[in-house]
C-alpha atoms as a PDB file:
ATOM      1  CA  UNK A   1      92.128  97.387 127.763  1.00  0.00           C
ATOM      2  CA  UNK A   2      90.064  98.772 130.603  1.00  0.00           C
ATOM      3  CA  UNK A   3      86.307  98.415 130.683  1.00  0.00           C
ATOM      4  CA  UNK A   4      84.252 101.432 129.732  1.00  0.00           C
ATOM      5  CA  UNK A   5      81.628 101.525 132.438  1.00  0.00           C
ATOM      6  CA  UNK A   6      80.914 105.254 132.360  1.00  0.00           C
ATOM      7  CA  UNK A   7      80.905 108.194 129.993  1.00  0.00           C
ATOM      8  CA  UNK A   8      83.973 109.400 131.882  1.00  0.00           C
ATOM      9  CA  UNK A   9      85.844 106.200 130.934  1.00  0.00           C
ATOM     10  CA  UNK A  10      84.910 106.719 127.277  1.00  0.00           C
ATOM     11  CA  UNK A  11      85.821 110.425 127.491  1.00  0.00           C
ATOM     12  CA  UNK A  12      89.318 109.607 128.773  1.00  0.00           C
ATOM     13  CA  UNK A  13      89.788 106.953 126.081  1.00  0.00           C
ATOM     14  CA  UNK A  14      88.711 109.401 123.358  1.00  0.00           C
ATOM     15  CA  UNK A  15      91.087 112.087 124.684  1.00  0.00           C
ATOM     16  CA  UNK A  16      93.954 109.598 124.368  1.00  0.00           C
ATOM     17  CA  UNK A  17      92.765 108.695 120.878  1.00  0.00           C
ATOM     18  CA  UNK A  18      92.700 112.303 119.658  1.00  0.00           C
ATOM     19  CA  UNK A  19      96.079 112.960 121.300  1.00  0.00           C
ATOM     20  CA  UNK A  20      97.518 110.164 119.153  1.00  0.00           C
ATOM     21  CA  UNK A  21      95.688 111.536 116.097  1.00  0.00           C
ATOM     22  CA  UNK A  22      97.209 115.004 116.559  1.00  0.00           C
ATOM     23  CA  UNK A  23     100.707 113.530 116.975  1.00  0.00           C
ATOM     24  CA  UNK A  24     100.255 111.609 113.703  1.00  0.00           C
ATOM     25  CA  UNK A  25      99.085 114.767 111.944  1.00  0.00           C
ATOM     26  CA  UNK A  26     102.238 116.664 112.963  1.00  0.00           C
ATOM     27  CA  UNK A  27     104.279 114.026 111.111  1.00  0.00           C
ATOM     28  CA  UNK A  28     102.135 114.194 107.968  1.00  0.00           C
ATOM     29  CA  UNK A  29     101.668 117.951 107.519  1.00  0.00           C
ATOM     30  CA  UNK A  30     105.327 118.750 106.599  1.00  0.00           C
ATOM     31  CA  UNK A  31     105.191 116.046 103.886  1.00  0.00           C
ATOM     32  CA  UNK A  32     101.886 117.420 102.605  1.00  0.00           C
ATOM     33  CA  UNK A  33     103.306 120.959 102.529  1.00  0.00           C
ATOM     34  CA  UNK A  34     106.340 119.717 100.598  1.00  0.00           C
ATOM     35  CA  UNK A  35     104.122 117.882  98.079  1.00  0.00           C
ATOM     36  CA  UNK A  36     101.746 120.825  97.514  1.00  0.00           C
ATOM     37  CA  UNK A  37     102.400 122.952  94.421  1.00  0.00           C
ATOM     38  CA  UNK A  38     100.154 125.928  95.141  1.00  0.00           C
ATOM     39  CA  UNK A  39     101.871 128.367  97.502  1.00  0.00           C
ATOM     40  CA  UNK A  40      98.576 129.119  99.243  1.00  0.00           C
ATOM     41  CA  UNK A  41      98.052 125.410  99.992  1.00  0.00           C
ATOM     42  CA  UNK A  42     101.637 124.902 101.185  1.00  0.00           C
ATOM     43  CA  UNK A  43     101.226 127.895 103.478  1.00  0.00           C
ATOM     44  CA  UNK A  44      97.893 126.573 104.825  1.00  0.00           C
ATOM     45  CA  UNK A  45      99.533 123.242 105.706  1.00  0.00           C
ATOM     46  CA  UNK A  46     102.480 124.988 107.386  1.00  0.00           C
ATOM     47  CA  UNK A  47     100.136 127.229 109.402  1.00  0.00           C
ATOM     48  CA  UNK A  48      98.018 124.252 110.437  1.00  0.00           C
ATOM     49  CA  UNK A  49     101.162 122.445 111.619  1.00  0.00           C
ATOM     50  CA  UNK A  50     101.828 125.302 114.078  1.00  0.00           C
ATOM     51  CA  UNK A  51      98.176 125.208 115.110  1.00  0.00           C
ATOM     52  CA  UNK A  52      98.295 121.414 115.599  1.00  0.00           C
ATOM     53  CA  UNK A  53     101.358 121.753 117.835  1.00  0.00           C
ATOM     54  CA  UNK A  54      99.329 124.239 119.902  1.00  0.00           C
ATOM     55  CA  UNK A  55      96.450 121.759 120.033  1.00  0.00           C
ATOM     56  CA  UNK A  56      98.804 119.098 121.415  1.00  0.00           C
ATOM     57  CA  UNK A  57      99.926 121.598 124.080  1.00  0.00           C
ATOM     58  CA  UNK A  58      96.250 122.250 124.852  1.00  0.00           C
ATOM     59  CA  UNK A  59      95.641 118.483 125.190  1.00  0.00           C
ATOM     60  CA  UNK A  60      98.657 118.262 127.536  1.00  0.00           C
ATOM     61  CA  UNK A  61      97.036 121.031 129.623  1.00  0.00           C
ATOM     62  CA  UNK A  62      93.748 119.073 129.636  1.00  0.00           C
ATOM     63  CA  UNK A  63      95.653 115.983 130.790  1.00  0.00           C
ATOM     64  CA  UNK A  64      97.156 117.987 133.670  1.00  0.00           C
ATOM     65  CA  UNK A  65      93.743 119.378 134.660  1.00  0.00           C
ATOM     66  CA  UNK A  66      92.290 115.856 134.690  1.00  0.00           C
ATOM     67  CA  UNK A  67      95.397 114.269 136.243  1.00  0.00           C
ATOM     68  CA  UNK A  68      95.777 111.881 133.282  1.00  0.00           C
ATOM     69  CA  UNK A  69      98.579 111.063 130.857  1.00  0.00           C
ATOM     70  CA  UNK A  70      97.069 111.125 127.372  1.00  0.00           C
ATOM     71  CA  UNK A  71      99.944 109.328 125.632  1.00  0.00           C
ATOM     72  CA  UNK A  72     100.081 105.620 124.931  1.00  0.00           C
ATOM     73  CA  UNK A  73      97.129 104.918 122.649  1.00  0.00           C
ATOM     74  CA  UNK A  74      97.239 104.596 118.852  1.00  0.00           C
ATOM     75  CA  UNK A  75      94.408 106.227 116.888  1.00  0.00           C
ATOM     76  CA  UNK A  76      93.662 103.625 114.229  1.00  0.00           C
ATOM     77  CA  UNK A  77      91.248 105.878 112.328  1.00  0.00           C
ATOM     78  CA  UNK A  78      93.908 108.555 111.872  1.00  0.00           C
ATOM     79  CA  UNK A  79      96.468 105.886 111.032  1.00  0.00           C
ATOM     80  CA  UNK A  80      94.173 104.811 108.177  1.00  0.00           C
ATOM     81  CA  UNK A  81      93.656 108.376 106.954  1.00  0.00           C
ATOM     82  CA  UNK A  82      97.426 108.981 107.102  1.00  0.00           C
ATOM     83  CA  UNK A  83      98.132 105.784 105.145  1.00  0.00           C
ATOM     84  CA  UNK A  84      95.620 106.840 102.506  1.00  0.00           C
ATOM     85  CA  UNK A  85      97.318 110.250 102.266  1.00  0.00           C
ATOM     86  CA  UNK A  86     100.756 108.664 101.996  1.00  0.00           C
ATOM     87  CA  UNK A  87      99.617 106.424  99.114  1.00  0.00           C
ATOM     88  CA  UNK A  88      98.073 109.445  97.430  1.00  0.00           C
ATOM     89  CA  UNK A  89     101.331 111.425  97.612  1.00  0.00           C
ATOM     90  CA  UNK A  90     103.151 108.522  95.922  1.00  0.00           C
ATOM     91  CA  UNK A  91     100.865 108.769  92.866  1.00  0.00           C
ATOM     92  CA  UNK A  92     102.062 110.436  89.690  1.00  0.00           C
ATOM     93  CA  UNK A  93      99.716 113.344  89.113  1.00  0.00           C
ATOM     94  CA  UNK A  94      99.589 116.775  87.519  1.00  0.00           C
ATOM     95  CA  UNK A  95     100.416 119.382  90.202  1.00  0.00           C
ATOM     96  CA  UNK A  96      96.885 120.847  90.220  1.00  0.00           C
ATOM     97  CA  UNK A  97      95.343 117.388  90.512  1.00  0.00           C
ATOM     98  CA  UNK A  98      97.711 116.461  93.356  1.00  0.00           C
ATOM     99  CA  UNK A  99      96.792 119.683  95.156  1.00  0.00           C
ATOM    100  CA  UNK A 100      93.077 118.886  94.790  1.00  0.00           C
ATOM    101  CA  UNK A 101      93.733 115.383  96.152  1.00  0.00           C
ATOM    102  CA  UNK A 102      95.777 116.761  99.079  1.00  0.00           C
ATOM    103  CA  UNK A 103      92.928 119.088  99.993  1.00  0.00           C
ATOM    104  CA  UNK A 104      90.466 116.180  99.932  1.00  0.00           C
ATOM    105  CA  UNK A 105      92.757 114.108 102.177  1.00  0.00           C
ATOM    106  CA  UNK A 106      93.242 117.038 104.574  1.00  0.00           C
ATOM    107  CA  UNK A 107      89.509 117.713 104.761  1.00  0.00           C
ATOM    108  CA  UNK A 108      88.811 114.072 105.646  1.00  0.00           C
ATOM    109  CA  UNK A 109      91.204 114.564 108.572  1.00  0.00           C
ATOM    110  CA  UNK A 110      89.602 117.891 109.578  1.00  0.00           C
ATOM    111  CA  UNK A 111      86.115 116.377 109.540  1.00  0.00           C
ATOM    112  CA  UNK A 112      87.246 113.443 111.678  1.00  0.00           C
ATOM    113  CA  UNK A 113      88.782 115.887 114.146  1.00  0.00           C
ATOM    114  CA  UNK A 114      85.721 118.156 114.176  1.00  0.00           C
ATOM    115  CA  UNK A 115      83.468 115.188 114.949  1.00  0.00           C
ATOM    116  CA  UNK A 116      85.809 114.014 117.704  1.00  0.00           C
ATOM    117  CA  UNK A 117      86.310 117.412 119.352  1.00  0.00           C
ATOM    118  CA  UNK A 118      82.573 118.168 119.137  1.00  0.00           C
ATOM    119  CA  UNK A 119      81.762 114.977 121.040  1.00  0.00           C
ATOM    120  CA  UNK A 120      84.578 115.517 123.554  1.00  0.00           C
ATOM    121  CA  UNK A 121      83.405 119.070 124.276  1.00  0.00           C
ATOM    122  CA  UNK A 122      79.877 117.792 124.915  1.00  0.00           C
ATOM    123  CA  UNK A 123      81.151 115.033 127.241  1.00  0.00           C
ATOM    124  CA  UNK A 124      83.375 117.510 129.129  1.00  0.00           C
ATOM    125  CA  UNK A 125      80.399 119.782 129.766  1.00  0.00           C
ATOM    126  CA  UNK A 126      78.185 116.849 130.851  1.00  0.00           C
ATOM    127  CA  UNK A 127      80.908 115.645 133.218  1.00  0.00           C
ATOM    128  CA  UNK A 128      81.290 119.110 134.752  1.00  0.00           C
ATOM    129  CA  UNK A 129      84.740 119.828 133.263  1.00  0.00           C
ATOM    130  CA  UNK A 130      83.913 123.353 132.118  1.00  0.00           C
ATOM    131  CA  UNK A 131      87.511 124.534 131.718  1.00  0.00           C
ATOM    132  CA  UNK A 132      88.294 121.422 129.656  1.00  0.00           C
ATOM    133  CA  UNK A 133      85.163 122.055 127.582  1.00  0.00           C
ATOM    134  CA  UNK A 134      86.366 125.592 126.837  1.00  0.00           C
ATOM    135  CA  UNK A 135      89.792 124.306 125.759  1.00  0.00           C
ATOM    136  CA  UNK A 136      88.188 121.680 123.516  1.00  0.00           C
ATOM    137  CA  UNK A 137      85.948 124.374 121.987  1.00  0.00           C
ATOM    138  CA  UNK A 138      89.057 126.414 121.097  1.00  0.00           C
ATOM    139  CA  UNK A 139      90.456 123.451 119.189  1.00  0.00           C
ATOM    140  CA  UNK A 140      87.094 122.727 117.563  1.00  0.00           C
ATOM    141  CA  UNK A 141      86.988 126.349 116.330  1.00  0.00           C
ATOM    142  CA  UNK A 142      90.517 126.027 114.890  1.00  0.00           C
ATOM    143  CA  UNK A 143      89.651 122.790 113.084  1.00  0.00           C
ATOM    144  CA  UNK A 144      86.508 124.360 111.625  1.00  0.00           C
ATOM    145  CA  UNK A 145      88.517 127.349 110.451  1.00  0.00           C
ATOM    146  CA  UNK A 146      91.184 125.109 108.876  1.00  0.00           C
ATOM    147  CA  UNK A 147      88.411 123.295 106.997  1.00  0.00           C
ATOM    148  CA  UNK A 148      86.992 126.629 105.725  1.00  0.00           C
ATOM    149  CA  UNK A 149      90.449 127.730 104.547  1.00  0.00           C
ATOM    150  CA  UNK A 150      90.872 124.454 102.640  1.00  0.00           C
ATOM    151  CA  UNK A 151      87.444 124.876 101.040  1.00  0.00           C
ATOM    152  CA  UNK A 152      88.365 128.389  99.878  1.00  0.00           C
ATOM    153  CA  UNK A 153      91.665 127.176  98.399  1.00  0.00           C
ATOM    154  CA  UNK A 154      89.881 124.225  96.755  1.00  0.00           C
ATOM    155  CA  UNK A 155      87.454 126.527  94.938  1.00  0.00           C
ATOM    156  CA  UNK A 156      90.318 127.723  92.699  1.00  0.00           C
ATOM    157  CA  UNK A 157      92.494 124.583  92.659  1.00  0.00           C
ATOM    158  CA  UNK A 158      89.648 122.237  91.742  1.00  0.00           C
ATOM    159  CA  UNK A 159      88.848 124.390  88.690  1.00  0.00           C
ATOM    160  CA  UNK A 160      92.522 124.293  87.645  1.00  0.00           C
ATOM    161  CA  UNK A 161      92.567 120.506  88.157  1.00  0.00           C
ATOM    162  CA  UNK A 162      89.712 120.005  85.679  1.00  0.00           C
ATOM    163  CA  UNK A 163      92.105 120.840  82.852  1.00  0.00           C
ATOM    164  CA  UNK A 164      95.687 121.033  84.107  1.00  0.00           C
ATOM    165  CA  UNK A 165      98.022 123.324  82.206  1.00  0.00           C
ATOM    166  CA  UNK A 166      99.416 121.602  79.119  1.00  0.00           C
ATOM    167  CA  UNK A 167     103.127 120.934  79.509  1.00  0.00           C
ATOM    168  CA  UNK A 168     105.177 121.910  76.484  1.00  0.00           C
END
């Protein structure tokens, strides 16, 4: 573990952390899509998987710009969120309730990412990495949009989850 003497040291460490987080998310999203009952939710997870793969490519580009390899660190926060999601998907639940729970789990992830990318973008700008800041802003915009999409889907699913359809 290297010492963090400067904001630049912390910035590099956080880039590695979010790189790990995105890699973990690419493993979880297909399982979440498979578990989702609502077609709209499944589709949102599948679309966000493609977007996340693009975000990893963007992080690889940032690594090249900065001359750093971003692999090799484990994001413990995302590991915890992923574990929570995994436990959730193992629960027995009505489909509408499971979908509501999946949205909640996904939004926790989105909010973590939005906080991280917002800070990283600010650090990049302060450190004079304008191109990197622009790339981080692109990802931040995508994460914010993914969160909005989930909120829109939740507005219907949460109502359905209040009283799931009676099974005959």
